[in-house]
Amino acid sequence: MQKIEAVIQPSKLDAVKDALVEVGVEGMTITEARGHGRQKGHTEFYRGREYSVDLLPKVKLELVVADEMVEKAIQAITGAARTGTIGDGKIFVSKIDEAIRIRNDERGEIAL
């Protein structure tokens, strides 16, 4: 099993969710986040004053999938989230040793 964490633009959330469901991903956790990468924020004008916005709104998706689903999930995320501009986001993949369903104590991939 692998855990996929993706940080994407909020405007791409619905497209990414739909793409993941289409390839067979059944569950995910979505968190609102703020941060920046290379773009380091931007400046905005409000009521005639300039403000520096260095933490931009992002969405973080977390999902655990079977090993054979990892590449499909990554392709779904990149295909739906990519705009080709800076700030599209990042994907991190890590190994998961165990998954346990609390309701009935199922373990392993069946608990996903």
PDB file of N, CA and C in Angstrom:
ATOM      1  N   MET A   1       0.836  -1.178   0.000  1.00  0.00           N
ATOM      2  CA  MET A   1       0.000   0.000   0.000  1.00  0.00           C
ATOM      3  C   MET A   1       0.884   1.245   0.000  1.00  0.00           C
ATOM      4  N   GLN A   2       0.369   2.294  -0.607  1.00  0.00           N
ATOM      5  CA  GLN A   2       1.093   3.557  -0.693  1.00  0.00           C
ATOM      6  C   GLN A   2       0.164   4.697  -0.295  1.00  0.00           C
ATOM      7  N   LYS A   3       0.733   5.703   0.371  1.00  0.00           N
ATOM      8  CA  LYS A   3      -0.009   6.909   0.702  1.00  0.00           C
ATOM      9  C   LYS A   3       0.387   7.985  -0.285  1.00  0.00           C
ATOM     10  N   ILE A   4      -0.597   8.605  -0.887  1.00  0.00           N
ATOM     11  CA  ILE A   4      -0.377   9.697  -1.822  1.00  0.00           C
ATOM     12  C   ILE A   4      -0.898  10.965  -1.165  1.00  0.00           C
ATOM     13  N   GLU A   5      -0.025  11.968  -1.055  1.00  0.00           N
ATOM     14  CA  GLU A   5      -0.407  13.281  -0.551  1.00  0.00           C
ATOM     15  C   GLU A   5      -0.217  14.260  -1.697  1.00  0.00           C
ATOM     16  N   ALA A   6      -1.261  14.978  -2.029  1.00  0.00           N
ATOM     17  CA  ALA A   6      -1.194  15.944  -3.122  1.00  0.00           C
ATOM     18  C   ALA A   6      -1.629  17.308  -2.612  1.00  0.00           C
ATOM     19  N   VAL A   7      -0.839  18.317  -2.904  1.00  0.00           N
ATOM     20  CA  VAL A   7      -1.181  19.698  -2.582  1.00  0.00           C
ATOM     21  C   VAL A   7      -1.497  20.370  -3.910  1.00  0.00           C
ATOM     22  N   ILE A   8      -2.747  20.845  -4.042  1.00  0.00           N
ATOM     23  CA  ILE A   8      -3.210  21.379  -5.325  1.00  0.00           C
ATOM     24  C   ILE A   8      -3.900  22.722  -5.120  1.00  0.00           C
ATOM     25  N   GLN A   9      -4.220  23.384  -6.231  1.00  0.00           N
ATOM     26  CA  GLN A   9      -4.979  24.627  -6.188  1.00  0.00           C
ATOM     27  C   GLN A   9      -6.434  24.309  -5.834  1.00  0.00           C
ATOM     28  N   PRO A  10      -7.063  25.131  -4.985  1.00  0.00           N
ATOM     29  CA  PRO A  10      -8.459  24.874  -4.602  1.00  0.00           C
ATOM     30  C   PRO A  10      -9.416  24.795  -5.792  1.00  0.00           C
ATOM     31  N   SER A  11      -9.152  25.545  -6.830  1.00  0.00           N
ATOM     32  CA  SER A  11     -10.050  25.550  -7.990  1.00  0.00           C
ATOM     33  C   SER A  11     -10.035  24.222  -8.744  1.00  0.00           C
ATOM     34  N   LYS A  12      -9.039  23.389  -8.511  1.00  0.00           N
ATOM     35  CA  LYS A  12      -8.923  22.108  -9.213  1.00  0.00           C
ATOM     36  C   LYS A  12      -9.468  20.936  -8.402  1.00  0.00           C
ATOM     37  N   LEU A  13      -9.989  21.191  -7.203  1.00  0.00           N
ATOM     38  CA  LEU A  13     -10.415  20.104  -6.326  1.00  0.00           C
ATOM     39  C   LEU A  13     -11.488  19.220  -6.941  1.00  0.00           C
ATOM     40  N   ASP A  14     -12.556  19.796  -7.478  1.00  0.00           N
ATOM     41  CA  ASP A  14     -13.633  18.983  -8.035  1.00  0.00           C
ATOM     42  C   ASP A  14     -13.163  18.129  -9.208  1.00  0.00           C
ATOM     43  N   ALA A  15     -12.332  18.702 -10.063  1.00  0.00           N
ATOM     44  CA  ALA A  15     -11.818  17.946 -11.206  1.00  0.00           C
ATOM     45  C   ALA A  15     -10.940  16.787 -10.748  1.00  0.00           C
ATOM     46  N   VAL A  16     -10.110  17.013  -9.733  1.00  0.00           N
ATOM     47  CA  VAL A  16      -9.228  15.961  -9.221  1.00  0.00           C
ATOM     48  C   VAL A  16     -10.051  14.863  -8.551  1.00  0.00           C
ATOM     49  N   LYS A  17     -11.035  15.247  -7.729  1.00  0.00           N
ATOM     50  CA  LYS A  17     -11.895  14.246  -7.082  1.00  0.00           C
ATOM     51  C   LYS A  17     -12.590  13.377  -8.123  1.00  0.00           C
ATOM     52  N   ASP A  18     -13.168  13.998  -9.147  1.00  0.00           N
ATOM     53  CA  ASP A  18     -13.857  13.243 -10.195  1.00  0.00           C
ATOM     54  C   ASP A  18     -12.907  12.304 -10.923  1.00  0.00           C
ATOM     55  N   ALA A  19     -11.698  12.771 -11.214  1.00  0.00           N
ATOM     56  CA  ALA A  19     -10.713  11.938 -11.912  1.00  0.00           C
ATOM     57  C   ALA A  19     -10.305  10.744 -11.052  1.00  0.00           C
ATOM     58  N   LEU A  20     -10.146  10.945  -9.749  1.00  0.00           N
ATOM     59  CA  LEU A  20      -9.767   9.845  -8.859  1.00  0.00           C
ATOM     60  C   LEU A  20     -10.885   8.815  -8.740  1.00  0.00           C
ATOM     61  N   VAL A  21     -12.116   9.267  -8.631  1.00  0.00           N
ATOM     62  CA  VAL A  21     -13.252   8.330  -8.567  1.00  0.00           C
ATOM     63  C   VAL A  21     -13.346   7.541  -9.864  1.00  0.00           C
ATOM     64  N   GLU A  22     -13.086   8.191 -10.973  1.00  0.00           N
ATOM     65  CA  GLU A  22     -13.162   7.541 -12.285  1.00  0.00           C
ATOM     66  C   GLU A  22     -12.150   6.401 -12.434  1.00  0.00           C
ATOM     67  N   VAL A  23     -10.964   6.528 -11.818  1.00  0.00           N
ATOM     68  CA  VAL A  23      -9.957   5.465 -11.921  1.00  0.00           C
ATOM     69  C   VAL A  23     -10.105   4.410 -10.825  1.00  0.00           C
ATOM     70  N   GLY A  24     -11.071   4.610  -9.903  1.00  0.00           N
ATOM     71  CA  GLY A  24     -11.343   3.576  -8.915  1.00  0.00           C
ATOM     72  C   GLY A  24     -10.887   3.855  -7.498  1.00  0.00           C
ATOM     73  N   VAL A  25     -10.472   5.077  -7.201  1.00  0.00           N
ATOM     74  CA  VAL A  25     -10.095   5.420  -5.825  1.00  0.00           C
ATOM     75  C   VAL A  25     -11.383   5.622  -5.036  1.00  0.00           C
ATOM     76  N   GLU A  26     -11.509   4.912  -3.912  1.00  0.00           N
ATOM     77  CA  GLU A  26     -12.769   4.925  -3.172  1.00  0.00           C
ATOM     78  C   GLU A  26     -12.802   5.898  -2.009  1.00  0.00           C
ATOM     79  N   GLY A  27     -11.660   6.238  -1.430  1.00  0.00           N
ATOM     80  CA  GLY A  27     -11.686   7.117  -0.275  1.00  0.00           C
ATOM     81  C   GLY A  27     -10.524   8.088  -0.288  1.00  0.00           C
ATOM     82  N   MET A  28     -10.758   9.251   0.292  1.00  0.00           N
ATOM     83  CA  MET A  28      -9.700  10.257   0.384  1.00  0.00           C
ATOM     84  C   MET A  28     -10.046  11.221   1.508  1.00  0.00           C
ATOM     85  N   THR A  29      -9.034  11.886   2.020  1.00  0.00           N
ATOM     86  CA  THR A  29      -9.204  12.930   3.019  1.00  0.00           C
ATOM     87  C   THR A  29      -8.755  14.235   2.395  1.00  0.00           C
ATOM     88  N   ILE A  30      -9.570  15.276   2.567  1.00  0.00           N
ATOM     89  CA  ILE A  30      -9.279  16.568   1.963  1.00  0.00           C
ATOM     90  C   ILE A  30      -9.187  17.610   3.073  1.00  0.00           C
ATOM     91  N   THR A  31      -8.108  18.383   3.053  1.00  0.00           N
ATOM     92  CA  THR A  31      -7.864  19.399   4.067  1.00  0.00           C
ATOM     93  C   THR A  31      -7.564  20.726   3.391  1.00  0.00           C
ATOM     94  N   GLU A  32      -8.143  21.804   3.915  1.00  0.00           N
ATOM     95  CA  GLU A  32      -7.780  23.130   3.434  1.00  0.00           C
ATOM     96  C   GLU A  32      -6.437  23.499   4.050  1.00  0.00           C
ATOM     97  N   ALA A  33      -5.549  24.028   3.239  1.00  0.00           N
ATOM     98  CA  ALA A  33      -4.205  24.363   3.718  1.00  0.00           C
ATOM     99  C   ALA A  33      -3.786  25.719   3.158  1.00  0.00           C
ATOM    100  N   ARG A  34      -2.699  26.246   3.706  1.00  0.00           N
ATOM    101  CA  ARG A  34      -2.109  27.483   3.195  1.00  0.00           C
ATOM    102  C   ARG A  34      -0.613  27.262   3.106  1.00  0.00           C
ATOM    103  N   GLY A  35      -0.009  27.785   2.070  1.00  0.00           N
ATOM    104  CA  GLY A  35       1.428  27.629   1.933  1.00  0.00           C
ATOM    105  C   GLY A  35       1.929  28.269   0.655  1.00  0.00           C
ATOM    106  N   HIS A  36       3.222  28.067   0.401  1.00  0.00           N
ATOM    107  CA  HIS A  36       3.794  28.553  -0.857  1.00  0.00           C
ATOM    108  C   HIS A  36       5.010  27.715  -1.191  1.00  0.00           C
ATOM    109  N   GLY A  37       5.316  27.708  -2.437  1.00  0.00           N
ATOM    110  CA  GLY A  37       6.513  27.053  -2.935  1.00  0.00           C
ATOM    111  C   GLY A  37       7.391  28.107  -3.574  1.00  0.00           C
ATOM    112  N   ARG A  38       7.772  27.867  -4.786  1.00  0.00           N
ATOM    113  CA  ARG A  38       8.652  28.805  -5.480  1.00  0.00           C
ATOM    114  C   ARG A  38       8.001  30.141  -5.793  1.00  0.00           C
ATOM    115  N   GLN A  39       6.662  30.165  -5.889  1.00  0.00           N
ATOM    116  CA  GLN A  39       6.018  31.426  -6.243  1.00  0.00           C
ATOM    117  C   GLN A  39       6.073  32.443  -5.103  1.00  0.00           C
ATOM    118  N   LYS A  40       6.288  32.018  -3.871  1.00  0.00           N
ATOM    119  CA  LYS A  40       6.488  32.879  -2.708  1.00  0.00           C
ATOM    120  C   LYS A  40       5.416  33.943  -2.530  1.00  0.00           C
ATOM    121  N   GLY A  41       4.194  33.638  -2.931  1.00  0.00           N
ATOM    122  CA  GLY A  41       3.091  34.562  -2.705  1.00  0.00           C
ATOM    123  C   GLY A  41       3.013  35.661  -3.743  1.00  0.00           C
ATOM    124  N   HIS A  42       2.241  36.693  -3.427  1.00  0.00           N
ATOM    125  CA  HIS A  42       2.057  37.819  -4.327  1.00  0.00           C
ATOM    126  C   HIS A  42       1.594  39.025  -3.516  1.00  0.00           C
ATOM    127  N   THR A  43       1.481  40.159  -4.181  1.00  0.00           N
ATOM    128  CA  THR A  43       0.975  41.358  -3.511  1.00  0.00           C
ATOM    129  C   THR A  43      -0.396  41.684  -4.065  1.00  0.00           C
ATOM    130  N   GLU A  44      -1.239  42.247  -3.198  1.00  0.00           N
ATOM    131  CA  GLU A  44      -2.581  42.657  -3.592  1.00  0.00           C
ATOM    132  C   GLU A  44      -2.828  44.071  -3.090  1.00  0.00           C
ATOM    133  N   PHE A  45      -3.761  44.756  -3.730  1.00  0.00           N
ATOM    134  CA  PHE A  45      -4.167  46.080  -3.292  1.00  0.00           C
ATOM    135  C   PHE A  45      -5.575  45.989  -2.719  1.00  0.00           C
ATOM    136  N   TYR A  46      -5.751  46.549  -1.532  1.00  0.00           N
ATOM    137  CA  TYR A  46      -7.063  46.586  -0.895  1.00  0.00           C
ATOM    138  C   TYR A  46      -7.248  47.974  -0.304  1.00  0.00           C
ATOM    139  N   ARG A  47      -8.285  48.669  -0.761  1.00  0.00           N
ATOM    140  CA  ARG A  47      -8.582  50.029  -0.308  1.00  0.00           C
ATOM    141  C   ARG A  47      -7.365  50.951  -0.438  1.00  0.00           C
ATOM    142  N   GLY A  48      -6.676  50.810  -1.545  1.00  0.00           N
ATOM    143  CA  GLY A  48      -5.563  51.692  -1.845  1.00  0.00           C
ATOM    144  C   GLY A  48      -4.251  51.353  -1.185  1.00  0.00           C
ATOM    145  N   ARG A  49      -4.216  50.284  -0.401  1.00  0.00           N
ATOM    146  CA  ARG A  49      -2.967  49.894   0.260  1.00  0.00           C
ATOM    147  C   ARG A  49      -2.495  48.560  -0.298  1.00  0.00           C
ATOM    148  N   GLU A  50      -1.190  48.418  -0.353  1.00  0.00           N
ATOM    149  CA  GLU A  50      -0.596  47.188  -0.876  1.00  0.00           C
ATOM    150  C   GLU A  50      -0.340  46.216   0.276  1.00  0.00           C
ATOM    151  N   TYR A  51      -0.751  44.959   0.079  1.00  0.00           N
ATOM    152  CA  TYR A  51      -0.548  43.909   1.074  1.00  0.00           C
ATOM    153  C   TYR A  51       0.217  42.760   0.447  1.00  0.00           C
ATOM    154  N   SER A  52       1.106  42.170   1.227  1.00  0.00           N
ATOM    155  CA  SER A  52       1.861  41.003   0.772  1.00  0.00           C
ATOM    156  C   SER A  52       1.134  39.744   1.246  1.00  0.00           C
ATOM    157  N   VAL A  53       0.777  38.889   0.306  1.00  0.00           N
ATOM    158  CA  VAL A  53       0.118  37.621   0.621  1.00  0.00           C
ATOM    159  C   VAL A  53       1.146  36.529   0.357  1.00  0.00           C
ATOM    160  N   ASP A  54       1.786  36.041   1.426  1.00  0.00           N
ATOM    161  CA  ASP A  54       2.854  35.070   1.217  1.00  0.00           C
ATOM    162  C   ASP A  54       2.420  33.628   1.467  1.00  0.00           C
ATOM    163  N   LEU A  55       1.265  33.417   2.068  1.00  0.00           N
ATOM    164  CA  LEU A  55       0.728  32.073   2.225  1.00  0.00           C
ATOM    165  C   LEU A  55      -0.558  31.979   1.398  1.00  0.00           C
ATOM    166  N   LEU A  56      -0.496  31.200   0.350  1.00  0.00           N
ATOM    167  CA  LEU A  56      -1.611  31.090  -0.578  1.00  0.00           C
ATOM    168  C   LEU A  56      -2.523  29.928  -0.194  1.00  0.00           C
ATOM    169  N   PRO A  57      -3.824  30.031  -0.484  1.00  0.00           N
ATOM    170  CA  PRO A  57      -4.733  28.918  -0.178  1.00  0.00           C
ATOM    171  C   PRO A  57      -4.434  27.715  -1.073  1.00  0.00           C
ATOM    172  N   LYS A  58      -4.407  26.542  -0.470  1.00  0.00           N
ATOM    173  CA  LYS A  58      -4.175  25.284  -1.173  1.00  0.00           C
ATOM    174  C   LYS A  58      -5.141  24.246  -0.621  1.00  0.00           C
ATOM    175  N   VAL A  59      -5.212  23.101  -1.264  1.00  0.00           N
ATOM    176  CA  VAL A  59      -5.981  21.964  -0.787  1.00  0.00           C
ATOM    177  C   VAL A  59      -5.040  20.776  -0.744  1.00  0.00           C
ATOM    178  N   LYS A  60      -5.090  20.031   0.368  1.00  0.00           N
ATOM    179  CA  LYS A  60      -4.257  18.840   0.505  1.00  0.00           C
ATOM    180  C   LYS A  60      -5.153  17.606   0.475  1.00  0.00           C
ATOM    181  N   LEU A  61      -4.852  16.700  -0.440  1.00  0.00           N
ATOM    182  CA  LEU A  61      -5.557  15.432  -0.537  1.00  0.00           C
ATOM    183  C   LEU A  61      -4.654  14.330  -0.008  1.00  0.00           C
ATOM    184  N   GLU A  62      -5.213  13.436   0.769  1.00  0.00           N
ATOM    185  CA  GLU A  62      -4.479  12.273   1.253  1.00  0.00           C
ATOM    186  C   GLU A  62      -5.288  11.036   0.908  1.00  0.00           C
ATOM    187  N   LEU A  63      -4.631  10.060   0.296  1.00  0.00           N
ATOM    188  CA  LEU A  63      -5.297   8.810  -0.015  1.00  0.00           C
ATOM    189  C   LEU A  63      -4.308   7.668   0.094  1.00  0.00           C
ATOM    190  N   VAL A  64      -4.807   6.527   0.521  1.00  0.00           N
ATOM    191  CA  VAL A  64      -3.993   5.314   0.593  1.00  0.00           C
ATOM    192  C   VAL A  64      -4.582   4.337  -0.408  1.00  0.00           C
ATOM    193  N   VAL A  65      -3.729   3.839  -1.296  1.00  0.00           N
ATOM    194  CA  VAL A  65      -4.185   2.944  -2.358  1.00  0.00           C
ATOM    195  C   VAL A  65      -3.297   1.701  -2.415  1.00  0.00           C
ATOM    196  N   ALA A  66      -3.816   0.668  -3.041  1.00  0.00           N
ATOM    197  CA  ALA A  66      -3.032  -0.543  -3.273  1.00  0.00           C
ATOM    198  C   ALA A  66      -1.880  -0.199  -4.225  1.00  0.00           C
ATOM    199  N   ASP A  67      -0.806  -0.964  -4.138  1.00  0.00           N
ATOM    200  CA  ASP A  67       0.389  -0.684  -4.953  1.00  0.00           C
ATOM    201  C   ASP A  67       0.081  -0.590  -6.442  1.00  0.00           C
ATOM    202  N   GLU A  68      -0.824  -1.434  -6.937  1.00  0.00           N
ATOM    203  CA  GLU A  68      -1.118  -1.429  -8.369  1.00  0.00           C
ATOM    204  C   GLU A  68      -1.962  -0.216  -8.798  1.00  0.00           C
ATOM    205  N   MET A  69      -2.512   0.537  -7.844  1.00  0.00           N
ATOM    206  CA  MET A  69      -3.325   1.713  -8.163  1.00  0.00           C
ATOM    207  C   MET A  69      -2.538   3.022  -8.110  1.00  0.00           C
ATOM    208  N   VAL A  70      -1.291   2.977  -7.646  1.00  0.00           N
ATOM    209  CA  VAL A  70      -0.532   4.200  -7.416  1.00  0.00           C
ATOM    210  C   VAL A  70      -0.368   5.014  -8.691  1.00  0.00           C
ATOM    211  N   GLU A  71       0.087   4.409  -9.750  1.00  0.00           N
ATOM    212  CA  GLU A  71       0.357   5.161 -10.980  1.00  0.00           C
ATOM    213  C   GLU A  71      -0.935   5.711 -11.584  1.00  0.00           C
ATOM    214  N   LYS A  72      -2.028   4.954 -11.518  1.00  0.00           N
ATOM    215  CA  LYS A  72      -3.313   5.450 -12.023  1.00  0.00           C
ATOM    216  C   LYS A  72      -3.756   6.679 -11.246  1.00  0.00           C
ATOM    217  N   ALA A  73      -3.607   6.637  -9.927  1.00  0.00           N
ATOM    218  CA  ALA A  73      -4.008   7.765  -9.092  1.00  0.00           C
ATOM    219  C   ALA A  73      -3.142   8.997  -9.379  1.00  0.00           C
ATOM    220  N   ILE A  74      -1.848   8.788  -9.535  1.00  0.00           N
ATOM    221  CA  ILE A  74      -0.945   9.911  -9.832  1.00  0.00           C
ATOM    222  C   ILE A  74      -1.297  10.536 -11.176  1.00  0.00           C
ATOM    223  N   GLN A  75      -1.550   9.706 -12.175  1.00  0.00           N
ATOM    224  CA  GLN A  75      -1.916  10.226 -13.497  1.00  0.00           C
ATOM    225  C   GLN A  75      -3.235  10.990 -13.440  1.00  0.00           C
ATOM    226  N   ALA A  76      -4.184  10.498 -12.643  1.00  0.00           N
ATOM    227  CA  ALA A  76      -5.466  11.189 -12.513  1.00  0.00           C
ATOM    228  C   ALA A  76      -5.278  12.561 -11.880  1.00  0.00           C
ATOM    229  N   ILE A  77      -4.458  12.620 -10.826  1.00  0.00           N
ATOM    230  CA  ILE A  77      -4.227  13.899 -10.144  1.00  0.00           C
ATOM    231  C   ILE A  77      -3.508  14.874 -11.064  1.00  0.00           C
ATOM    232  N   THR A  78      -2.422  14.439 -11.678  1.00  0.00           N
ATOM    233  CA  THR A  78      -1.662  15.361 -12.531  1.00  0.00           C
ATOM    234  C   THR A  78      -2.481  15.808 -13.734  1.00  0.00           C
ATOM    235  N   GLY A  79      -3.238  14.907 -14.316  1.00  0.00           N
ATOM    236  CA  GLY A  79      -4.050  15.268 -15.476  1.00  0.00           C
ATOM    237  C   GLY A  79      -5.121  16.298 -15.152  1.00  0.00           C
ATOM    238  N   ALA A  80      -5.728  16.179 -13.974  1.00  0.00           N
ATOM    239  CA  ALA A  80      -6.818  17.082 -13.613  1.00  0.00           C
ATOM    240  C   ALA A  80      -6.326  18.381 -12.981  1.00  0.00           C
ATOM    241  N   ALA A  81      -5.156  18.375 -12.333  1.00  0.00           N
ATOM    242  CA  ALA A  81      -4.692  19.547 -11.592  1.00  0.00           C
ATOM    243  C   ALA A  81      -3.735  20.436 -12.376  1.00  0.00           C
ATOM    244  N   ARG A  82      -3.172  19.942 -13.454  1.00  0.00           N
ATOM    245  CA  ARG A  82      -2.133  20.700 -14.170  1.00  0.00           C
ATOM    246  C   ARG A  82      -2.718  21.837 -14.984  1.00  0.00           C
ATOM    247  N   THR A  83      -2.166  23.038 -14.768  1.00  0.00           N
ATOM    248  CA  THR A  83      -2.497  24.191 -15.601  1.00  0.00           C
ATOM    249  C   THR A  83      -1.282  24.617 -16.414  1.00  0.00           C
ATOM    250  N   GLY A  84      -0.106  24.140 -15.996  1.00  0.00           N
ATOM    251  CA  GLY A  84       1.122  24.513 -16.681  1.00  0.00           C
ATOM    252  C   GLY A  84       1.769  25.768 -16.132  1.00  0.00           C
ATOM    253  N   THR A  85       1.211  26.318 -15.073  1.00  0.00           N
ATOM    254  CA  THR A  85       1.782  27.516 -14.473  1.00  0.00           C
ATOM    255  C   THR A  85       2.337  27.189 -13.096  1.00  0.00           C
ATOM    256  N   ILE A  86       3.160  28.088 -12.590  1.00  0.00           N
ATOM    257  CA  ILE A  86       3.743  27.894 -11.272  1.00  0.00           C
ATOM    258  C   ILE A  86       2.626  27.870 -10.227  1.00  0.00           C
ATOM    259  N   GLY A  87       2.757  26.993  -9.237  1.00  0.00           N
ATOM    260  CA  GLY A  87       1.742  26.884  -8.193  1.00  0.00           C
ATOM    261  C   GLY A  87       0.752  25.759  -8.398  1.00  0.00           C
ATOM    262  N   ASP A  88       0.970  24.901  -9.396  1.00  0.00           N
ATOM    263  CA  ASP A  88       0.056  23.784  -9.641  1.00  0.00           C
ATOM    264  C   ASP A  88       0.053  22.790  -8.491  1.00  0.00           C
ATOM    265  N   GLY A  89       1.160  22.643  -7.781  1.00  0.00           N
ATOM    266  CA  GLY A  89       1.174  21.780  -6.610  1.00  0.00           C
ATOM    267  C   GLY A  89       2.244  20.716  -6.654  1.00  0.00           C
ATOM    268  N   LYS A  90       2.153  19.797  -5.692  1.00  0.00           N
ATOM    269  CA  LYS A  90       3.123  18.709  -5.553  1.00  0.00           C
ATOM    270  C   LYS A  90       2.389  17.440  -5.164  1.00  0.00           C
ATOM    271  N   ILE A  91       3.026  16.299  -5.456  1.00  0.00           N
ATOM    272  CA  ILE A  91       2.524  14.985  -5.035  1.00  0.00           C
ATOM    273  C   ILE A  91       3.662  14.285  -4.313  1.00  0.00           C
ATOM    274  N   PHE A  92       3.343  13.714  -3.159  1.00  0.00           N
ATOM    275  CA  PHE A  92       4.304  12.946  -2.376  1.00  0.00           C
ATOM    276  C   PHE A  92       3.757  11.533  -2.206  1.00  0.00           C
ATOM    277  N   VAL A  93       4.614  10.538  -2.378  1.00  0.00           N
ATOM    278  CA  VAL A  93       4.202   9.138  -2.252  1.00  0.00           C
ATOM    279  C   VAL A  93       5.077   8.488  -1.193  1.00  0.00           C
ATOM    280  N   SER A  94       4.443   7.771  -0.264  1.00  0.00           N
ATOM    281  CA  SER A  94       5.190   7.066   0.778  1.00  0.00           C
ATOM    282  C   SER A  94       4.566   5.699   1.039  1.00  0.00           C
ATOM    283  N   LYS A  95       5.370   4.805   1.583  1.00  0.00           N
ATOM    284  CA  LYS A  95       4.966   3.430   1.853  1.00  0.00           C
ATOM    285  C   LYS A  95       4.133   3.368   3.134  1.00  0.00           C
ATOM    286  N   ILE A  96       3.079   2.571   3.094  1.00  0.00           N
ATOM    287  CA  ILE A  96       2.233   2.329   4.265  1.00  0.00           C
ATOM    288  C   ILE A  96       2.387   0.865   4.661  1.00  0.00           C
ATOM    289  N   ASP A  97       2.759   0.626   5.902  1.00  0.00           N
ATOM    290  CA  ASP A  97       2.974  -0.736   6.379  1.00  0.00           C
ATOM    291  C   ASP A  97       1.678  -1.458   6.736  1.00  0.00           C
ATOM    292  N   GLU A  98       0.712  -0.734   7.272  1.00  0.00           N
ATOM    293  CA  GLU A  98      -0.509  -1.388   7.747  1.00  0.00           C
ATOM    294  C   GLU A  98      -1.676  -0.429   7.701  1.00  0.00           C
ATOM    295  N   ALA A  99      -2.852  -0.968   7.424  1.00  0.00           N
ATOM    296  CA  ALA A  99      -4.107  -0.220   7.497  1.00  0.00           C
ATOM    297  C   ALA A  99      -5.087  -1.068   8.295  1.00  0.00           C
ATOM    298  N   ILE A 100      -5.794  -0.446   9.205  1.00  0.00           N
ATOM    299  CA  ILE A 100      -6.726  -1.173  10.063  1.00  0.00           C
ATOM    300  C   ILE A 100      -8.057  -0.443  10.061  1.00  0.00           C
ATOM    301  N   ARG A 101      -9.120  -1.170   9.739  1.00  0.00           N
ATOM    302  CA  ARG A 101     -10.464  -0.590   9.810  1.00  0.00           C
ATOM    303  C   ARG A 101     -10.946  -0.715  11.244  1.00  0.00           C
ATOM    304  N   ILE A 102     -11.236   0.399  11.879  1.00  0.00           N
ATOM    305  CA  ILE A 102     -11.605   0.401  13.293  1.00  0.00           C
ATOM    306  C   ILE A 102     -12.912  -0.357  13.529  1.00  0.00           C
ATOM    307  N   ARG A 103     -13.879  -0.213  12.631  1.00  0.00           N
ATOM    308  CA  ARG A 103     -15.201  -0.803  12.814  1.00  0.00           C
ATOM    309  C   ARG A 103     -15.169  -2.306  13.057  1.00  0.00           C
ATOM    310  N   ASN A 104     -14.382  -3.039  12.257  1.00  0.00           N
ATOM    311  CA  ASN A 104     -14.404  -4.500  12.369  1.00  0.00           C
ATOM    312  C   ASN A 104     -13.015  -5.131  12.414  1.00  0.00           C
ATOM    313  N   ASP A 105     -11.987  -4.331  12.606  1.00  0.00           N
ATOM    314  CA  ASP A 105     -10.611  -4.804  12.759  1.00  0.00           C
ATOM    315  C   ASP A 105     -10.044  -5.476  11.515  1.00  0.00           C
ATOM    316  N   GLU A 106     -10.584  -5.170  10.326  1.00  0.00           N
ATOM    317  CA  GLU A 106      -9.988  -5.686   9.096  1.00  0.00           C
ATOM    318  C   GLU A 106      -8.631  -5.049   8.924  1.00  0.00           C
ATOM    319  N   ARG A 107      -7.689  -5.798   8.341  1.00  0.00           N
ATOM    320  CA  ARG A 107      -6.314  -5.307   8.190  1.00  0.00           C
ATOM    321  C   ARG A 107      -5.847  -5.459   6.739  1.00  0.00           C
ATOM    322  N   GLY A 108      -4.891  -4.605   6.397  1.00  0.00           N
ATOM    323  CA  GLY A 108      -4.296  -4.672   5.054  1.00  0.00           C
ATOM    324  C   GLY A 108      -5.138  -3.962   4.013  1.00  0.00           C
ATOM    325  N   GLU A 109      -4.975  -4.367   2.755  1.00  0.00           N
ATOM    326  CA  GLU A 109      -5.671  -3.709   1.647  1.00  0.00           C
ATOM    327  C   GLU A 109      -7.178  -3.815   1.763  1.00  0.00           C
ATOM    328  N   ILE A 110      -7.685  -4.863   2.378  1.00  0.00           N
ATOM    329  CA  ILE A 110      -9.138  -5.018   2.520  1.00  0.00           C
ATOM    330  C   ILE A 110      -9.725  -3.904   3.396  1.00  0.00           C
ATOM    331  N   ALA A 111      -8.902  -3.306   4.247  1.00  0.00           N
ATOM    332  CA  ALA A 111      -9.371  -2.219   5.118  1.00  0.00           C
ATOM    333  C   ALA A 111      -9.487  -0.891   4.395  1.00  0.00           C
ATOM    334  N   LEU A 112      -8.940  -0.801   3.191  1.00  0.00           N
ATOM    335  CA  LEU A 112      -9.015   0.448   2.444  1.00  0.00           C
ATOM    336  C   LEU A 112     -10.430   0.682   1.989  1.00  0.00           C
TER     337      LEU A 112
END
